[in-house]
């Protein structure tokens, strides 16, 4: 599945950058990226996905090519951005794959708009991520010293040691540095204020949880606890992978995703 030009959608609140890949009449798969990375983070897995899928990738507000309104942001705002984008693209009954903060968006959107989402894939995320004191400290660091002050630590926590030793570390470092500090802070504020344990436990839709065994941000036990809130959910562990298994093991990631899509009759 090749790349194409990035488009921009004006939600009325901000402009969101997105890509619409694959046949327009095919079943839709939405990919929502983690904190500190833009939609480019999906590049490695796109070529591994089923050719008969319409894949939408997009940048959350404050990330990548999307606008960066002044923070603070709420999770409700991020969900509304996504909801209006999918309405603009006339997408219903999609499978929504969210990683990190994208997984929080997925859960919130599923609660709000089940007409848009028929199934959910959660990767390296949880119903609640971290603690307010931790996020407050992160915000203060970025506010005082910029993204540069946290970029190395973000990569160390996002990737397994094995991947860090073999990847183009400079490229990934630059990808974090390219994020707008205000957008990063706004999204951290949204994460800090979100606890979806109760609403997520009320969801009844096919759900797959994917997590790396070496994920130090949302460890496997936390991910399993989250997907277990939803009856009938499935869980898959990627041995040796960190927080972003779709980057470290794109072929295996696509295989498990494709199996799930086939199981639920999406492809």
Protein backbone atom coordinates (compact mmCIF):
# COMPACT_ATOMS: atom_id res chain seq x y z
CA UNK A 1 0.00 0.00 0.00
CA UNK A 2 1.89 3.05 -1.24
CA UNK A 3 1.98 6.59 0.06
CA UNK A 4 0.02 9.41 -1.50
CA UNK A 5 -0.23 13.12 -0.93
CA UNK A 6 -1.30 14.33 2.50
CA UNK A 7 -4.63 16.17 2.55
CA UNK A 8 -5.92 18.68 5.10
CA UNK A 9 -9.37 18.84 6.62
CA UNK A 10 -10.71 21.93 8.38
CA UNK A 11 -12.82 20.76 11.32
CA UNK A 12 -13.85 24.31 12.17
CA UNK A 13 -11.55 24.20 15.19
CA UNK A 14 -8.27 23.27 13.48
CA UNK A 15 -6.95 21.73 10.26
CA UNK A 16 -6.00 18.06 10.43
CA UNK A 17 -3.47 16.45 8.10
CA UNK A 18 -4.44 12.99 6.88
CA UNK A 19 -3.83 10.38 4.19
CA UNK A 20 -6.59 8.32 2.57
CA UNK A 21 -5.03 5.17 1.11
CA UNK A 22 -6.54 2.26 -0.80
CA UNK A 23 -9.88 1.76 -2.60
CA UNK A 24 -12.50 4.31 -1.52
CA UNK A 25 -15.22 1.63 -1.40
CA UNK A 26 -13.16 -0.82 0.66
CA UNK A 27 -13.65 -1.53 4.41
CA UNK A 28 -11.99 1.24 6.39
CA UNK A 29 -9.13 0.94 8.88
CA UNK A 30 -8.21 4.07 10.86
CA UNK A 31 -4.74 4.43 12.40
CA UNK A 32 -4.26 6.88 15.29
CA UNK A 33 -0.64 7.44 16.36
CA UNK A 34 0.97 7.61 19.82
CA UNK A 35 2.12 10.73 21.67
CA UNK A 36 5.19 12.46 20.25
CA UNK A 37 5.03 10.81 16.84
CA UNK A 38 3.01 11.75 13.75
CA UNK A 39 1.25 9.56 11.21
CA UNK A 40 4.65 8.74 9.67
CA UNK A 41 5.07 6.20 12.49
CA UNK A 42 2.82 3.79 10.52
CA UNK A 43 5.02 3.88 7.40
CA UNK A 44 6.65 0.49 7.94
CA UNK A 45 3.41 -1.40 8.47
CA UNK A 46 1.41 0.19 5.62
CA UNK A 47 3.08 -1.93 2.94
CA UNK A 48 2.21 -5.06 4.94
CA UNK A 49 -1.52 -4.38 5.13
CA UNK A 50 -4.19 -6.06 3.01
CA UNK A 51 -4.56 -4.38 -0.39
CA UNK A 52 -8.36 -4.37 -0.12
CA UNK A 53 -8.49 -1.96 2.79
CA UNK A 54 -9.14 1.76 2.85
CA UNK A 55 -6.56 2.98 5.36
CA UNK A 56 -6.81 6.43 6.93
CA UNK A 57 -3.83 7.82 8.85
CA UNK A 58 -3.91 11.26 10.41
CA UNK A 59 -2.01 13.60 12.72
CA UNK A 60 -3.62 14.51 16.02
CA UNK A 61 -3.88 18.23 16.67
CA UNK A 62 -0.52 19.60 17.71
CA UNK A 63 1.35 16.83 15.87
CA UNK A 64 2.88 16.45 12.42
CA UNK A 65 1.14 18.44 9.70
CA UNK A 66 -1.98 19.25 11.72
CA UNK A 67 -2.60 22.66 13.25
CA UNK A 68 -1.43 23.37 16.78
CA UNK A 69 -4.07 25.38 18.64
CA UNK A 70 -2.97 26.84 21.95
CA UNK A 71 -3.24 24.29 24.79
CA UNK A 72 -4.74 22.99 26.99
CA UNK A 73 -6.48 20.19 25.10
CA UNK A 74 -9.06 17.80 26.50
CA UNK A 75 -9.56 14.21 25.41
CA UNK A 76 -13.07 15.19 24.35
CA UNK A 77 -11.55 17.70 21.91
CA UNK A 78 -9.23 15.07 20.39
CA UNK A 79 -12.17 12.69 20.04
CA UNK A 80 -14.27 15.40 18.39
CA UNK A 81 -11.48 16.11 15.90
CA UNK A 82 -11.47 12.46 14.88
CA UNK A 83 -15.24 12.19 14.80
CA UNK A 84 -15.57 15.16 12.44
CA UNK A 85 -12.78 13.85 10.19
CA UNK A 86 -14.53 10.49 9.82
CA UNK A 87 -17.85 12.24 9.14
CA UNK A 88 -16.10 14.34 6.47
CA UNK A 89 -14.77 11.15 4.85
CA UNK A 90 -18.21 9.51 5.18
CA UNK A 91 -16.77 6.59 7.09
CA UNK A 92 -19.01 4.21 9.01
CA UNK A 93 -18.36 0.78 10.50
CA UNK A 94 -14.58 1.15 10.47
CA UNK A 95 -12.01 -0.73 12.49
CA UNK A 96 -10.15 1.82 14.60
CA UNK A 97 -6.55 1.08 15.60
CA UNK A 98 -5.19 3.42 18.25
CA UNK A 99 -1.70 3.37 19.78
CA UNK A 100 -0.89 5.19 23.01
CA UNK A 101 -2.95 8.39 23.09
CA UNK A 102 -4.56 7.13 19.88
CA UNK A 103 -5.90 4.21 21.91
CA UNK A 104 -7.57 6.60 24.32
CA UNK A 105 -9.16 8.37 21.34
CA UNK A 106 -10.34 4.97 20.07
CA UNK A 107 -12.03 4.11 23.37
CA UNK A 108 -13.70 7.50 23.69
CA UNK A 109 -14.91 7.49 20.09
CA UNK A 110 -16.30 3.96 20.45
CA UNK A 111 -18.33 5.10 23.45
CA UNK A 112 -19.59 8.16 21.60
CA UNK A 113 -20.06 6.94 18.02
CA UNK A 114 -20.64 3.22 17.60
CA UNK A 115 -22.03 4.01 14.16
CA UNK A 116 -18.49 4.93 13.13
CA UNK A 117 -16.65 2.03 14.77
CA UNK A 118 -17.54 -1.65 14.48
CA UNK A 119 -14.33 -2.99 16.04
CA UNK A 120 -11.33 -1.66 17.91
CA UNK A 121 -7.63 -2.50 18.03
CA UNK A 122 -5.70 -1.12 20.99
CA UNK A 123 -1.90 -1.07 20.91
CA UNK A 124 0.38 0.02 23.73
CA UNK A 125 -2.37 1.89 25.51
CA UNK A 126 -4.74 1.60 28.47
CA UNK A 127 -7.97 2.95 29.92
CA UNK A 128 -5.79 5.26 32.02
CA UNK A 129 -2.15 6.01 31.24
CA UNK A 130 0.27 7.21 33.90
CA UNK A 131 -0.37 9.55 36.80
CA UNK A 132 -1.06 13.30 36.92
CA UNK A 133 2.15 14.00 38.89
CA UNK A 134 4.24 12.26 36.21
CA UNK A 135 2.55 14.15 33.40
CA UNK A 136 2.84 17.45 35.29
CA UNK A 137 6.59 16.94 35.54
CA UNK A 138 6.79 16.13 31.81
CA UNK A 139 4.85 19.29 30.93
CA UNK A 140 7.13 21.45 33.09
CA UNK A 141 10.24 20.00 31.45
CA UNK A 142 8.97 20.62 27.92
CA UNK A 143 7.71 24.08 28.82
CA UNK A 144 11.10 25.09 30.25
CA UNK A 145 13.53 23.26 27.98
CA UNK A 146 11.59 22.17 24.88
CA UNK A 147 11.14 18.79 23.23
CA UNK A 148 14.93 18.37 23.10
CA UNK A 149 14.96 17.77 26.85
CA UNK A 150 12.81 14.64 26.61
CA UNK A 151 13.51 13.26 23.11
CA UNK A 152 16.19 10.75 24.11
CA UNK A 153 14.15 9.47 27.06
CA UNK A 154 11.04 9.14 24.87
CA UNK A 155 12.94 6.92 22.43
CA UNK A 156 14.49 4.82 25.20
CA UNK A 157 11.04 4.17 26.63
CA UNK A 158 9.36 3.66 23.25
CA UNK A 159 11.69 1.06 21.72
CA UNK A 160 13.29 -2.16 22.89
CA UNK A 161 17.04 -2.12 23.54
CA UNK A 162 17.58 -4.47 20.61
CA UNK A 163 15.75 -2.16 18.21
CA UNK A 164 17.58 0.92 19.51
CA UNK A 165 20.89 -0.78 18.82
CA UNK A 166 20.01 -1.51 15.18
CA UNK A 167 17.68 1.28 14.01
CA UNK A 168 18.43 4.65 12.42
CA UNK A 169 18.31 6.38 15.78
CA UNK A 170 19.02 9.83 14.37
CA UNK A 171 15.94 9.62 12.12
CA UNK A 172 13.69 8.72 15.03
CA UNK A 173 15.28 11.38 17.20
CA UNK A 174 14.51 13.99 14.56
CA UNK A 175 10.93 12.79 14.25
CA UNK A 176 10.36 13.52 17.95
CA UNK A 177 12.13 16.90 17.74
CA UNK A 178 9.83 17.93 14.88
CA UNK A 179 6.78 17.85 17.16
CA UNK A 180 5.46 21.20 18.36
CA UNK A 181 6.12 21.68 22.11
CA UNK A 182 2.70 23.31 22.63
CA UNK A 183 0.97 20.43 20.82
CA UNK A 184 2.89 17.90 22.88
CA UNK A 185 1.95 19.68 26.11
CA UNK A 186 -1.69 19.90 25.04
CA UNK A 187 -1.89 16.18 24.33
CA UNK A 188 -0.13 15.33 27.60
CA UNK A 189 -2.79 17.39 29.38
CA UNK A 190 -5.48 15.37 27.59
CA UNK A 191 -3.90 12.08 28.66
CA UNK A 192 -3.44 13.24 32.25
CA UNK A 193 -7.11 14.11 32.58
CA UNK A 194 -8.45 10.84 31.13
CA UNK A 195 -9.73 7.79 32.99
CA UNK A 196 -11.81 5.51 30.76
CA UNK A 197 -12.12 2.48 33.05
CA UNK A 198 -15.87 2.92 33.54
CA UNK A 199 -16.90 3.86 29.96
CA UNK A 200 -14.59 1.25 28.39
CA UNK A 201 -16.03 -1.46 30.63
CA UNK A 202 -19.42 -0.71 29.08
CA UNK A 203 -18.25 -1.33 25.50
CA UNK A 204 -19.48 -4.36 23.58
CA UNK A 205 -17.59 -4.58 20.29
CA UNK A 206 -14.87 -6.86 18.90
CA UNK A 207 -11.57 -5.75 20.40
CA UNK A 208 -7.96 -6.82 19.95
CA UNK A 209 -5.18 -5.76 22.31
CA UNK A 210 -1.60 -5.71 20.99
CA UNK A 211 1.45 -5.01 23.14
CA UNK A 212 5.20 -5.56 23.18
CA UNK A 213 6.64 -7.72 25.96
CA UNK A 214 9.23 -4.97 26.65
CA UNK A 215 6.73 -2.08 26.67
CA UNK A 216 7.80 0.16 29.57
CA UNK A 217 5.11 2.81 29.03
CA UNK A 218 2.00 0.59 29.01
CA UNK A 219 3.29 -2.81 30.22
CA UNK A 220 1.55 -6.02 29.12
CA UNK A 221 -0.30 -6.45 32.43
CA UNK A 222 -1.80 -2.97 32.12
CA UNK A 223 -2.83 -3.60 28.51
CA UNK A 224 -4.39 -6.94 29.38
CA UNK A 225 -6.29 -5.32 32.24
CA UNK A 226 -7.72 -2.78 29.79
CA UNK A 227 -8.80 -5.20 27.05
CA UNK A 228 -10.25 -7.54 29.68
CA UNK A 229 -12.75 -4.78 30.49
CA UNK A 230 -14.45 -5.65 27.18
CA UNK A 231 -16.09 -9.10 27.06
CA UNK A 232 -14.80 -11.38 24.31
CA UNK A 233 -11.70 -9.32 23.61
CA UNK A 234 -8.49 -10.85 22.27
CA UNK A 235 -4.90 -10.21 23.38
CA UNK A 236 -1.58 -10.65 21.57
CA UNK A 237 1.94 -10.22 22.96
CA UNK A 238 4.92 -9.40 20.73
CA UNK A 239 8.01 -10.98 22.23
CA UNK A 240 11.04 -8.69 22.33
CA UNK A 241 9.17 -5.58 21.13
CA UNK A 242 8.76 -2.29 22.96
CA UNK A 243 5.95 0.27 23.03
CA UNK A 244 5.65 0.43 19.23
CA UNK A 245 5.52 -3.18 17.94
CA UNK A 246 4.19 -1.98 14.56
CA UNK A 247 7.55 -0.24 14.07
CA UNK A 248 9.77 -3.01 15.40
CA UNK A 249 7.88 -6.02 13.99
CA UNK A 250 5.70 -4.68 11.12
CA UNK A 251 5.17 -8.02 9.37
CA UNK A 252 4.12 -9.88 12.52
CA UNK A 253 1.97 -6.92 13.54
CA UNK A 254 0.20 -6.88 10.17
CA UNK A 255 -0.31 -10.66 10.32
CA UNK A 256 -2.10 -10.51 13.67
CA UNK A 257 -4.12 -7.49 12.59
CA UNK A 258 -5.15 -9.19 9.33
CA UNK A 259 -6.16 -12.35 11.18
CA UNK A 260 -8.39 -10.27 13.46
CA UNK A 261 -9.93 -8.41 10.52
CA UNK A 262 -10.73 -11.71 8.83
CA UNK A 263 -12.15 -13.20 12.02
CA UNK A 264 -14.66 -10.34 12.35
CA UNK A 265 -15.48 -10.38 8.61
CA UNK A 266 -13.96 -6.96 7.86
CA UNK A 267 -11.93 -8.37 4.95
